[in-house]
Amino acid sequence: MAHAIRFKETGGPEVLRREEVVVGDPGPGEVRIRHHAVGLNFADTYFRTGLYPAPLPAGLGVEAAGVIEAVGAGVTGFTEGDRVTYTGSPLGAYSTERVMPVDSLIPLPDGIGFETAAAMTMRGLTSAYLLRRIHPLAAGDSILLTAAAGGVGLIVCQWAKLLGLNVIGTVSTEEKAELARAHGCDHVIHHQRENVAERVRELTDGAGVPVVFDSVGRTSYASSLASLRRRGLLVCFGTASGPVPPIDAMQLAVQGSLFVTRPALADYIADPAERAELAGELFEHVTSGRVRIQVNQRYALQDAAQAHRDLEAGRTTGSSVFVL
């Protein structure tokens, strides 16, 4: 019997329940996948709390890696036994196996293990579009990266160095500072005891940075805006501390004709060709060792509630996965 984590009402981690589920056979355009590892992402908590609405009762999770066990009618490009990874809808990755449409599947190279894939598909593709699609960064440019020791942060640090960028990262502890430095972060700012914007100005001779990549949200967006140079871009790609409040457009003018974007990964991998291009670049960096994926927390599926508690309390670094 297959098992899945489901919730019947929104709320805290305690609403998560492990249940036996009947998976069934794949229909047209679908496959059945047996998961070997499942990704744990902060966005999962948004569905659980209701910040991201989902019809209830619901499964949880959008990222996993495993092997195709059965293929439905009309499926091309995938066969039984193929190793795959994915990120994206529908919800339900927190499961031992599932049926899902093939649209989100990405062939997984033999050189990348299932845990690594589950730890990096969403984070790695997010890093890819941030650095390769959002803004024309050039070697020598400086960027500010919040949560530099997080799952996305550690990948961005490494990839940014490959592009010749100067990385300024924010962290909350010395342990996280050391981790960020070990992955290529050039300058670390302890945001709980330093003024982020003032420190950024010091590090950039008063100019500020052209781009800030901010995954924290409510508590960091103001300092992120204040860290930008004239006509700089704030990329709000996460809300770990809560949603970003409405931003007064006139304040963007007053602070230097600034730009703000709130991108979503789904819009950068909706086109299959672009998804394949970004995934190919990511996989090449990982298989070559140029980008290392840090899996620092491993949980059993039945411990999903504790995993969410750790995630929301800031006790995790790098990536976290459920091992099946």
C-alpha atoms as a PDB file:
ATOM      1  CA  MET A   1       0.000   0.000   0.000  1.00  0.00           C
ATOM      2  CA  ALA A   2       1.238   3.491  -0.858  1.00  0.00           C
ATOM      3  CA  HIS A   3       1.413   6.252   1.745  1.00  0.00           C
ATOM      4  CA  ALA A   4       1.045  10.009   1.466  1.00  0.00           C
ATOM      5  CA  ILE A   5       1.025  13.064   3.709  1.00  0.00           C
ATOM      6  CA  ARG A   6      -2.300  14.888   3.490  1.00  0.00           C
ATOM      7  CA  PHE A   7      -4.133  17.669   5.337  1.00  0.00           C
ATOM      8  CA  LYS A   8      -7.869  18.272   5.690  1.00  0.00           C
ATOM      9  CA  GLU A   9      -7.646  21.789   7.112  1.00  0.00           C
ATOM     10  CA  THR A  10      -5.094  24.576   7.028  1.00  0.00           C
ATOM     11  CA  GLY A  11      -3.020  25.394  10.070  1.00  0.00           C
ATOM     12  CA  GLY A  12       0.210  24.484  11.825  1.00  0.00           C
ATOM     13  CA  PRO A  13       2.378  21.415  11.225  1.00  0.00           C
ATOM     14  CA  GLU A  14       0.007  19.338  13.357  1.00  0.00           C
ATOM     15  CA  VAL A  15      -2.567  19.251  10.519  1.00  0.00           C
ATOM     16  CA  LEU A  16      -0.298  16.974   8.483  1.00  0.00           C
ATOM     17  CA  ARG A  17      -1.319  13.294   8.540  1.00  0.00           C
ATOM     18  CA  ARG A  18       0.247  10.177   7.012  1.00  0.00           C
ATOM     19  CA  GLU A  19      -2.402   8.086   5.257  1.00  0.00           C
ATOM     20  CA  GLU A  20      -2.649   4.955   3.176  1.00  0.00           C
ATOM     21  CA  VAL A  21      -3.678   5.810  -0.381  1.00  0.00           C
ATOM     22  CA  VAL A  22      -4.695   3.903  -3.488  1.00  0.00           C
ATOM     23  CA  VAL A  23      -2.606   5.115  -6.407  1.00  0.00           C
ATOM     24  CA  GLY A  24      -4.083   3.192  -9.331  1.00  0.00           C
ATOM     25  CA  ASP A  25      -2.962   3.064 -12.930  1.00  0.00           C
ATOM     26  CA  PRO A  26      -1.906   6.060 -15.018  1.00  0.00           C
ATOM     27  CA  GLY A  27      -4.394   7.464 -17.508  1.00  0.00           C
ATOM     28  CA  PRO A  28      -3.676   9.037 -20.897  1.00  0.00           C
ATOM     29  CA  GLY A  29      -0.679  11.361 -20.706  1.00  0.00           C
ATOM     30  CA  GLU A  30       0.219  10.161 -17.213  1.00  0.00           C
ATOM     31  CA  VAL A  31       2.804   7.963 -15.525  1.00  0.00           C
ATOM     32  CA  ARG A  32       3.040   6.267 -12.141  1.00  0.00           C
ATOM     33  CA  ILE A  33       6.237   7.098 -10.260  1.00  0.00           C
ATOM     34  CA  ARG A  34       7.769   5.378  -7.268  1.00  0.00           C
ATOM     35  CA  HIS A  35       9.562   8.063  -5.314  1.00  0.00           C
ATOM     36  CA  HIS A  36      13.029   7.512  -3.878  1.00  0.00           C
ATOM     37  CA  ALA A  37      13.363  10.994  -2.373  1.00  0.00           C
ATOM     38  CA  VAL A  38      11.055  13.974  -1.936  1.00  0.00           C
ATOM     39  CA  GLY A  39      12.030  17.620  -1.668  1.00  0.00           C
ATOM     40  CA  LEU A  40      11.084  19.787   1.318  1.00  0.00           C
ATOM     41  CA  ASN A  41      10.578  23.426   0.350  1.00  0.00           C
ATOM     42  CA  PHE A  42       9.509  26.483   2.306  1.00  0.00           C
ATOM     43  CA  ALA A  43       6.704  26.999  -0.199  1.00  0.00           C
ATOM     44  CA  ASP A  44       5.159  23.759   1.122  1.00  0.00           C
ATOM     45  CA  THR A  45       4.331  25.602   4.332  1.00  0.00           C
ATOM     46  CA  TYR A  46       2.383  28.216   2.366  1.00  0.00           C
ATOM     47  CA  PHE A  47      -0.036  25.552   1.115  1.00  0.00           C
ATOM     48  CA  ARG A  48      -0.327  24.056   4.597  1.00  0.00           C
ATOM     49  CA  THR A  49      -1.175  27.416   6.199  1.00  0.00           C
ATOM     50  CA  GLY A  50      -3.496  28.503   3.399  1.00  0.00           C
ATOM     51  CA  LEU A  51      -1.313  31.387   2.159  1.00  0.00           C
ATOM     52  CA  TYR A  52      -1.379  29.519  -1.151  1.00  0.00           C
ATOM     53  CA  PRO A  53      -4.982  28.251  -1.470  1.00  0.00           C
ATOM     54  CA  ALA A  54      -5.576  24.583  -2.353  1.00  0.00           C
ATOM     55  CA  PRO A  55      -8.829  22.578  -2.461  1.00  0.00           C
ATOM     56  CA  LEU A  56      -9.131  20.476   0.697  1.00  0.00           C
ATOM     57  CA  PRO A  57      -8.411  17.748   1.581  1.00  0.00           C
ATOM     58  CA  ALA A  58      -5.080  17.945  -0.207  1.00  0.00           C
ATOM     59  CA  GLY A  59      -1.724  16.313  -0.611  1.00  0.00           C
ATOM     60  CA  LEU A  60       1.445  18.327  -0.220  1.00  0.00           C
ATOM     61  CA  GLY A  61       4.746  18.856  -1.988  1.00  0.00           C
ATOM     62  CA  VAL A  62       5.743  19.688  -5.549  1.00  0.00           C
ATOM     63  CA  GLU A  63       9.207  18.139  -5.901  1.00  0.00           C
ATOM     64  CA  ALA A  64      10.509  14.563  -5.965  1.00  0.00           C
ATOM     65  CA  ALA A  65      12.710  12.098  -7.815  1.00  0.00           C
ATOM     66  CA  GLY A  66      12.169   8.443  -8.589  1.00  0.00           C
ATOM     67  CA  VAL A  67      11.535   5.795 -11.211  1.00  0.00           C
ATOM     68  CA  ILE A  68       8.631   5.434 -13.623  1.00  0.00           C
ATOM     69  CA  GLU A  69       6.755   2.183 -12.937  1.00  0.00           C
ATOM     70  CA  ALA A  70       3.908   2.460 -15.454  1.00  0.00           C
ATOM     71  CA  VAL A  71       3.122   4.593 -18.480  1.00  0.00           C
ATOM     72  CA  GLY A  72      -0.332   5.653 -19.645  1.00  0.00           C
ATOM     73  CA  ALA A  73      -1.655   5.838 -23.183  1.00  0.00           C
ATOM     74  CA  GLY A  74      -0.223   8.498 -25.449  1.00  0.00           C
ATOM     75  CA  VAL A  75       2.917   9.146 -23.424  1.00  0.00           C
ATOM     76  CA  THR A  76       6.014   9.737 -25.525  1.00  0.00           C
ATOM     77  CA  GLY A  77       9.570  10.387 -24.404  1.00  0.00           C
ATOM     78  CA  PHE A  78       9.309   8.356 -21.201  1.00  0.00           C
ATOM     79  CA  THR A  79       9.223   4.597 -20.567  1.00  0.00           C
ATOM     80  CA  GLU A  80       9.059   2.246 -17.596  1.00  0.00           C
ATOM     81  CA  GLY A  81      12.311   2.242 -15.637  1.00  0.00           C
ATOM     82  CA  ASP A  82      13.266   5.825 -16.526  1.00  0.00           C
ATOM     83  CA  ARG A  83      14.823   7.903 -13.753  1.00  0.00           C
ATOM     84  CA  VAL A  84      13.052  11.247 -13.465  1.00  0.00           C
ATOM     85  CA  THR A  85      12.792  14.316 -11.315  1.00  0.00           C
ATOM     86  CA  TYR A  86      10.209  17.073 -11.258  1.00  0.00           C
ATOM     87  CA  THR A  87       8.990  20.246  -9.653  1.00  0.00           C
ATOM     88  CA  GLY A  88       5.548  21.734 -10.096  1.00  0.00           C
ATOM     89  CA  SER A  89       1.848  21.048  -9.784  1.00  0.00           C
ATOM     90  CA  PRO A  90      -0.209  19.149  -8.909  1.00  0.00           C
ATOM     91  CA  LEU A  91       0.373  18.859  -5.176  1.00  0.00           C
ATOM     92  CA  GLY A  92       1.163  15.393  -3.860  1.00  0.00           C
ATOM     93  CA  ALA A  93       4.911  14.822  -3.881  1.00  0.00           C
ATOM     94  CA  TYR A  94       4.889  13.896  -0.178  1.00  0.00           C
ATOM     95  CA  SER A  95       4.124  10.273  -1.053  1.00  0.00           C
ATOM     96  CA  THR A  96       5.788   6.943  -1.685  1.00  0.00           C
ATOM     97  CA  GLU A  97       4.309   6.779  -5.179  1.00  0.00           C
ATOM     98  CA  ARG A  98       1.854   8.711  -7.296  1.00  0.00           C
ATOM     99  CA  VAL A  99       0.256   9.134 -10.701  1.00  0.00           C
ATOM    100  CA  MET A 100       0.944  12.443 -12.385  1.00  0.00           C
ATOM    101  CA  PRO A 101       0.983  14.064 -15.845  1.00  0.00           C
ATOM    102  CA  VAL A 102       4.253  13.905 -17.734  1.00  0.00           C
ATOM    103  CA  ASP A 103       4.396  17.642 -18.458  1.00  0.00           C
ATOM    104  CA  SER A 104       6.559  18.430 -15.429  1.00  0.00           C
ATOM    105  CA  LEU A 105       8.925  15.456 -15.700  1.00  0.00           C
ATOM    106  CA  ILE A 106      12.620  15.987 -16.365  1.00  0.00           C
ATOM    107  CA  PRO A 107      14.891  13.051 -17.307  1.00  0.00           C
ATOM    108  CA  LEU A 108      17.458  12.548 -14.549  1.00  0.00           C
ATOM    109  CA  PRO A 109      21.075  11.904 -15.599  1.00  0.00           C
ATOM    110  CA  ASP A 110      22.674   8.756 -14.180  1.00  0.00           C
ATOM    111  CA  GLY A 111      25.345  10.859 -12.497  1.00  0.00           C
ATOM    112  CA  ILE A 112      22.859  12.535 -10.162  1.00  0.00           C
ATOM    113  CA  GLY A 113      21.398  10.570  -7.253  1.00  0.00           C
ATOM    114  CA  PHE A 114      17.760  10.700  -6.208  1.00  0.00           C
ATOM    115  CA  GLU A 115      18.415  12.571  -2.961  1.00  0.00           C
ATOM    116  CA  THR A 116      20.475  15.170  -4.777  1.00  0.00           C
ATOM    117  CA  ALA A 117      17.780  15.551  -7.424  1.00  0.00           C
ATOM    118  CA  ALA A 118      15.003  15.964  -4.847  1.00  0.00           C
ATOM    119  CA  ALA A 119      17.141  18.495  -3.010  1.00  0.00           C
ATOM    120  CA  MET A 120      17.950  20.612  -6.030  1.00  0.00           C
ATOM    121  CA  THR A 121      15.335  20.481  -8.783  1.00  0.00           C
ATOM    122  CA  MET A 122      13.217  23.371  -7.495  1.00  0.00           C
ATOM    123  CA  ARG A 123      16.108  25.196  -5.853  1.00  0.00           C
ATOM    124  CA  GLY A 124      18.447  24.634  -8.773  1.00  0.00           C
ATOM    125  CA  LEU A 125      15.956  25.736 -11.423  1.00  0.00           C
ATOM    126  CA  THR A 126      15.105  28.748  -9.261  1.00  0.00           C
ATOM    127  CA  SER A 127      18.800  29.612  -9.082  1.00  0.00           C
ATOM    128  CA  ALA A 128      19.059  29.102 -12.826  1.00  0.00           C
ATOM    129  CA  TYR A 129      16.327  31.542 -13.770  1.00  0.00           C
ATOM    130  CA  LEU A 130      17.429  34.077 -11.152  1.00  0.00           C
ATOM    131  CA  LEU A 131      20.950  34.232 -12.515  1.00  0.00           C
ATOM    132  CA  ARG A 132      20.315  33.481 -16.187  1.00  0.00           C
ATOM    133  CA  ARG A 133      16.969  35.124 -17.004  1.00  0.00           C
ATOM    134  CA  ILE A 134      16.076  37.953 -14.607  1.00  0.00           C
ATOM    135  CA  HIS A 135      18.779  40.554 -15.273  1.00  0.00           C
ATOM    136  CA  PRO A 136      21.822  40.830 -17.580  1.00  0.00           C
ATOM    137  CA  LEU A 137      24.468  40.528 -14.889  1.00  0.00           C
ATOM    138  CA  ALA A 138      28.099  40.913 -15.972  1.00  0.00           C
ATOM    139  CA  ALA A 139      31.331  39.637 -14.465  1.00  0.00           C
ATOM    140  CA  GLY A 140      32.420  42.011 -11.725  1.00  0.00           C
ATOM    141  CA  ASP A 141      28.886  42.998 -10.712  1.00  0.00           C
ATOM    142  CA  SER A 142      27.888  42.720  -7.064  1.00  0.00           C
ATOM    143  CA  ILE A 143      24.622  41.169  -5.888  1.00  0.00           C
ATOM    144  CA  LEU A 144      22.909  41.022  -2.502  1.00  0.00           C
ATOM    145  CA  LEU A 145      21.463  37.633  -1.588  1.00  0.00           C
ATOM    146  CA  THR A 146      19.278  37.163   1.491  1.00  0.00           C
ATOM    147  CA  ALA A 147      19.311  33.799   3.292  1.00  0.00           C
ATOM    148  CA  ALA A 148      22.653  32.983   1.708  1.00  0.00           C
ATOM    149  CA  ALA A 149      22.938  29.693   3.643  1.00  0.00           C
ATOM    150  CA  GLY A 150      19.558  28.390   2.505  1.00  0.00           C
ATOM    151  CA  GLY A 151      18.917  25.811  -0.184  1.00  0.00           C
ATOM    152  CA  VAL A 152      18.656  28.340  -3.006  1.00  0.00           C
ATOM    153  CA  GLY A 153      21.257  30.583  -1.407  1.00  0.00           C
ATOM    154  CA  LEU A 154      24.039  28.008  -1.434  1.00  0.00           C
ATOM    155  CA  ILE A 155      23.414  27.177  -5.078  1.00  0.00           C
ATOM    156  CA  VAL A 156      23.238  30.842  -6.098  1.00  0.00           C
ATOM    157  CA  CYS A 157      26.500  31.561  -4.252  1.00  0.00           C
ATOM    158  CA  GLN A 158      28.339  28.876  -6.194  1.00  0.00           C
ATOM    159  CA  TRP A 159      26.772  29.639  -9.571  1.00  0.00           C
ATOM    160  CA  ALA A 160      27.313  33.380  -9.152  1.00  0.00           C
ATOM    161  CA  LYS A 161      31.028  32.803  -8.644  1.00  0.00           C
ATOM    162  CA  LEU A 162      31.144  30.837 -11.912  1.00  0.00           C
ATOM    163  CA  LEU A 163      29.718  33.966 -13.568  1.00  0.00           C
ATOM    164  CA  GLY A 164      32.340  36.190 -11.941  1.00  0.00           C
ATOM    165  CA  LEU A 165      29.936  37.988  -9.608  1.00  0.00           C
ATOM    166  CA  ASN A 166      30.728  39.450  -6.201  1.00  0.00           C
ATOM    167  CA  VAL A 167      28.268  37.924  -3.711  1.00  0.00           C
ATOM    168  CA  ILE A 168      27.125  39.763  -0.588  1.00  0.00           C
ATOM    169  CA  GLY A 169      24.951  37.475   1.530  1.00  0.00           C
ATOM    170  CA  THR A 170      22.834  37.898   4.646  1.00  0.00           C
ATOM    171  CA  VAL A 171      22.681  35.258   7.388  1.00  0.00           C
ATOM    172  CA  SER A 172      21.370  34.958  10.952  1.00  0.00           C
ATOM    173  CA  THR A 173      24.121  32.932  12.676  1.00  0.00           C
ATOM    174  CA  GLU A 174      27.850  32.430  12.517  1.00  0.00           C
ATOM    175  CA  GLU A 175      27.314  28.793  11.550  1.00  0.00           C
ATOM    176  CA  LYS A 176      25.348  29.937   8.524  1.00  0.00           C
ATOM    177  CA  ALA A 177      27.980  32.563   7.766  1.00  0.00           C
ATOM    178  CA  GLU A 178      30.688  29.909   7.596  1.00  0.00           C
ATOM    179  CA  LEU A 179      28.521  27.747   5.356  1.00  0.00           C
ATOM    180  CA  ALA A 180      27.834  30.628   2.982  1.00  0.00           C
ATOM    181  CA  ARG A 181      31.514  31.532   2.776  1.00  0.00           C
ATOM    182  CA  ALA A 182      32.426  27.907   2.054  1.00  0.00           C
ATOM    183  CA  HIS A 183      30.098  28.015  -0.955  1.00  0.00           C
ATOM    184  CA  GLY A 184      31.482  31.201  -2.476  1.00  0.00           C
ATOM    185  CA  CYS A 185      29.823  34.090  -0.618  1.00  0.00           C
ATOM    186  CA  ASP A 186      32.393  36.909  -0.663  1.00  0.00           C
ATOM    187  CA  HIS A 187      30.947  39.097   2.102  1.00  0.00           C
ATOM    188  CA  VAL A 188      28.588  38.016   4.876  1.00  0.00           C
ATOM    189  CA  ILE A 189      26.240  40.354   6.735  1.00  0.00           C
ATOM    190  CA  HIS A 190      24.654  39.239  10.025  1.00  0.00           C
ATOM    191  CA  HIS A 191      21.281  40.875   9.498  1.00  0.00           C
ATOM    192  CA  GLN A 192      20.247  40.600  13.172  1.00  0.00           C
ATOM    193  CA  ARG A 193      23.165  42.687  14.393  1.00  0.00           C
ATOM    194  CA  GLU A 194      24.247  44.757  11.379  1.00  0.00           C
ATOM    195  CA  ASN A 195      22.486  47.357   9.250  1.00  0.00           C
ATOM    196  CA  VAL A 196      22.266  45.559   5.928  1.00  0.00           C
ATOM    197  CA  ALA A 197      21.896  48.592   3.671  1.00  0.00           C
ATOM    198  CA  GLU A 198      24.700  50.524   5.384  1.00  0.00           C
ATOM    199  CA  ARG A 199      27.023  47.544   5.115  1.00  0.00           C
ATOM    200  CA  VAL A 200      26.167  47.049   1.431  1.00  0.00           C
ATOM    201  CA  ARG A 201      26.991  50.701   0.773  1.00  0.00           C
ATOM    202  CA  GLU A 202      30.328  50.262   2.528  1.00  0.00           C
ATOM    203  CA  LEU A 203      31.147  47.218   0.403  1.00  0.00           C
ATOM    204  CA  THR A 204      30.201  48.943  -2.856  1.00  0.00           C
ATOM    205  CA  ASP A 205      31.857  52.344  -2.249  1.00  0.00           C
ATOM    206  CA  GLY A 206      28.469  53.921  -1.642  1.00  0.00           C
ATOM    207  CA  ALA A 207      26.895  52.845  -4.916  1.00  0.00           C
ATOM    208  CA  GLY A 208      24.713  49.922  -3.865  1.00  0.00           C
ATOM    209  CA  VAL A 209      24.102  46.760  -5.865  1.00  0.00           C
ATOM    210  CA  PRO A 210      22.320  46.430  -9.217  1.00  0.00           C
ATOM    211  CA  VAL A 211      20.224  43.459  -8.073  1.00  0.00           C
ATOM    212  CA  VAL A 212      18.965  42.089  -4.762  1.00  0.00           C
ATOM    213  CA  PHE A 213      17.666  38.518  -4.641  1.00  0.00           C
ATOM    214  CA  ASP A 214      15.337  38.451  -1.626  1.00  0.00           C
ATOM    215  CA  SER A 215      13.665  35.252  -0.434  1.00  0.00           C
ATOM    216  CA  VAL A 216      12.855  36.501   3.077  1.00  0.00           C
ATOM    217  CA  GLY A 217      10.133  39.018   2.281  1.00  0.00           C
ATOM    218  CA  ARG A 218       8.328  41.048   4.935  1.00  0.00           C
ATOM    219  CA  THR A 219      11.241  41.671   7.311  1.00  0.00           C
ATOM    220  CA  SER A 220      13.916  42.254   4.663  1.00  0.00           C
ATOM    221  CA  TYR A 221      12.349  44.038   1.697  1.00  0.00           C
ATOM    222  CA  ALA A 222      12.922  47.560   3.088  1.00  0.00           C
ATOM    223  CA  SER A 223      16.647  46.996   3.639  1.00  0.00           C
ATOM    224  CA  SER A 224      16.831  45.268   0.270  1.00  0.00           C
ATOM    225  CA  LEU A 225      15.365  48.330  -1.460  1.00  0.00           C
ATOM    226  CA  ALA A 226      17.762  50.562   0.454  1.00  0.00           C
ATOM    227  CA  SER A 227      20.704  48.447  -0.746  1.00  0.00           C
ATOM    228  CA  LEU A 228      20.049  49.036  -4.441  1.00  0.00           C
ATOM    229  CA  ARG A 229      21.941  51.425  -6.653  1.00  0.00           C
ATOM    230  CA  ARG A 230      20.097  53.898  -8.867  1.00  0.00           C
ATOM    231  CA  ARG A 231      17.692  52.033 -11.231  1.00  0.00           C
ATOM    232  CA  GLY A 232      18.438  48.776  -9.402  1.00  0.00           C
ATOM    233  CA  LEU A 233      16.164  45.739  -9.326  1.00  0.00           C
ATOM    234  CA  LEU A 234      14.652  44.040  -6.264  1.00  0.00           C
ATOM    235  CA  VAL A 235      13.763  40.406  -7.013  1.00  0.00           C
ATOM    236  CA  CYS A 236      11.294  39.186  -4.370  1.00  0.00           C
ATOM    237  CA  PHE A 237      11.260  35.428  -4.969  1.00  0.00           C
ATOM    238  CA  GLY A 238      10.250  34.198  -1.511  1.00  0.00           C
ATOM    239  CA  THR A 239       8.383  35.162   1.638  1.00  0.00           C
ATOM    240  CA  ALA A 240      10.015  33.205   4.467  1.00  0.00           C
ATOM    241  CA  SER A 241       9.140  35.938   6.985  1.00  0.00           C
ATOM    242  CA  GLY A 242       5.772  36.727   5.452  1.00  0.00           C
ATOM    243  CA  PRO A 243       4.444  38.451   2.318  1.00  0.00           C
ATOM    244  CA  VAL A 244       5.954  41.735   1.169  1.00  0.00           C
ATOM    245  CA  PRO A 245       3.564  44.610   2.030  1.00  0.00           C
ATOM    246  CA  PRO A 246       2.258  46.848  -0.767  1.00  0.00           C
ATOM    247  CA  ILE A 247       5.081  49.023  -2.075  1.00  0.00           C
ATOM    248  CA  ASP A 248       4.442  52.725  -2.736  1.00  0.00           C
ATOM    249  CA  ALA A 249       5.450  53.379  -6.336  1.00  0.00           C
ATOM    250  CA  MET A 250       6.521  56.935  -5.472  1.00  0.00           C
ATOM    251  CA  GLN A 251       9.021  55.540  -2.969  1.00  0.00           C
ATOM    252  CA  LEU A 252      10.639  53.607  -5.802  1.00  0.00           C
ATOM    253  CA  ALA A 253      11.175  56.914  -7.582  1.00  0.00           C
ATOM    254  CA  VAL A 254      12.445  58.667  -4.474  1.00  0.00           C
ATOM    255  CA  GLN A 255      14.965  55.885  -3.748  1.00  0.00           C
ATOM    256  CA  GLY A 256      16.484  55.974  -7.227  1.00  0.00           C
ATOM    257  CA  SER A 257      13.908  54.953  -9.871  1.00  0.00           C
ATOM    258  CA  LEU A 258      14.009  51.381  -8.619  1.00  0.00           C
ATOM    259  CA  PHE A 259      12.365  48.293 -10.119  1.00  0.00           C
ATOM    260  CA  VAL A 260      10.626  45.436  -8.286  1.00  0.00           C
ATOM    261  CA  THR A 261       9.603  42.017  -9.600  1.00  0.00           C
ATOM    262  CA  ARG A 262       7.895  39.079  -7.908  1.00  0.00           C
ATOM    263  CA  PRO A 263       8.730  36.134 -10.204  1.00  0.00           C
ATOM    264  CA  ALA A 264       7.455  32.560  -9.997  1.00  0.00           C
ATOM    265  CA  LEU A 265       9.452  29.547 -11.137  1.00  0.00           C
ATOM    266  CA  ALA A 266       6.449  28.187 -13.042  1.00  0.00           C
ATOM    267  CA  ASP A 267       6.599  31.074 -15.509  1.00  0.00           C
ATOM    268  CA  TYR A 268      10.269  30.423 -16.265  1.00  0.00           C
ATOM    269  CA  ILE A 269       9.911  26.693 -16.930  1.00  0.00           C
ATOM    270  CA  ALA A 270       6.475  26.671 -18.587  1.00  0.00           C
ATOM    271  CA  ASP A 271       8.085  26.397 -21.999  1.00  0.00           C
ATOM    272  CA  PRO A 272       9.537  22.857 -22.369  1.00  0.00           C
ATOM    273  CA  ALA A 273      12.507  24.080 -24.387  1.00  0.00           C
ATOM    274  CA  GLU A 274      13.446  26.711 -21.816  1.00  0.00           C
ATOM    275  CA  ARG A 275      12.966  24.213 -18.961  1.00  0.00           C
ATOM    276  CA  ALA A 276      15.264  21.743 -20.727  1.00  0.00           C
ATOM    277  CA  GLU A 277      17.867  24.452 -21.305  1.00  0.00           C
ATOM    278  CA  LEU A 278      17.888  25.604 -17.685  1.00  0.00           C
ATOM    279  CA  ALA A 279      17.861  22.016 -16.372  1.00  0.00           C
ATOM    280  CA  GLY A 280      20.685  21.051 -18.722  1.00  0.00           C
ATOM    281  CA  GLU A 281      22.862  23.882 -17.493  1.00  0.00           C
ATOM    282  CA  LEU A 282      22.062  23.016 -13.878  1.00  0.00           C
ATOM    283  CA  PHE A 283      22.760  19.298 -14.321  1.00  0.00           C
ATOM    284  CA  GLU A 284      26.045  20.021 -16.100  1.00  0.00           C
ATOM    285  CA  HIS A 285      27.263  22.183 -13.219  1.00  0.00           C
ATOM    286  CA  VAL A 286      26.272  19.530 -10.669  1.00  0.00           C
ATOM    287  CA  THR A 287      27.689  16.485 -12.467  1.00  0.00           C
ATOM    288  CA  SER A 288      30.968  18.330 -13.082  1.00  0.00           C
ATOM    289  CA  GLY A 289      31.254  19.268  -9.410  1.00  0.00           C
ATOM    290  CA  ARG A 290      31.224  23.004 -10.103  1.00  0.00           C
ATOM    291  CA  VAL A 291      28.029  23.282  -8.036  1.00  0.00           C
ATOM    292  CA  ARG A 292      27.693  21.115  -4.928  1.00  0.00           C
ATOM    293  CA  ILE A 293      24.288  20.341  -3.477  1.00  0.00           C
ATOM    294  CA  GLN A 294      24.215  20.473   0.301  1.00  0.00           C
ATOM    295  CA  VAL A 295      21.677  18.012   1.767  1.00  0.00           C
ATOM    296  CA  ASN A 296      21.865  18.822   5.460  1.00  0.00           C
ATOM    297  CA  GLN A 297      18.570  17.429   6.743  1.00  0.00           C
ATOM    298  CA  ARG A 298      16.964  14.066   5.998  1.00  0.00           C
ATOM    299  CA  TYR A 299      13.554  13.036   7.326  1.00  0.00           C
ATOM    300  CA  ALA A 300      11.260  10.040   7.125  1.00  0.00           C
ATOM    301  CA  LEU A 301       7.958  10.807   5.428  1.00  0.00           C
ATOM    302  CA  GLN A 302       6.000  10.249   8.643  1.00  0.00           C
ATOM    303  CA  ASP A 303       8.047  13.025  10.264  1.00  0.00           C
ATOM    304  CA  ALA A 304       6.681  15.714   7.938  1.00  0.00           C
ATOM    305  CA  ALA A 305       5.265  17.776  10.799  1.00  0.00           C
ATOM    306  CA  GLN A 306       8.650  17.947  12.533  1.00  0.00           C
ATOM    307  CA  ALA A 307      10.313  18.803   9.238  1.00  0.00           C
ATOM    308  CA  HIS A 308       7.965  21.774   8.850  1.00  0.00           C
ATOM    309  CA  ARG A 309       8.649  22.890  12.425  1.00  0.00           C
ATOM    310  CA  ASP A 310      12.398  22.840  11.780  1.00  0.00           C
ATOM    311  CA  LEU A 311      11.973  24.699   8.503  1.00  0.00           C
ATOM    312  CA  GLU A 312       9.806  27.454   9.937  1.00  0.00           C
ATOM    313  CA  ALA A 313      12.025  27.863  13.000  1.00  0.00           C
ATOM    314  CA  GLY A 314      15.088  28.492  10.828  1.00  0.00           C
ATOM    315  CA  ARG A 315      16.859  25.388  12.122  1.00  0.00           C
ATOM    316  CA  THR A 316      17.729  24.107   8.644  1.00  0.00           C
ATOM    317  CA  THR A 317      20.594  24.970   6.291  1.00  0.00           C
ATOM    318  CA  GLY A 318      21.076  23.988   2.688  1.00  0.00           C
ATOM    319  CA  SER A 319      18.481  21.557   1.376  1.00  0.00           C
ATOM    320  CA  SER A 320      16.189  19.097   3.149  1.00  0.00           C
ATOM    321  CA  VAL A 321      14.674  15.885   1.786  1.00  0.00           C
ATOM    322  CA  PHE A 322      12.393  13.057   2.770  1.00  0.00           C
ATOM    323  CA  VAL A 323      14.138   9.726   2.191  1.00  0.00           C
ATOM    324  CA  LEU A 324      11.880   6.825   1.244  1.00  0.00           C
END
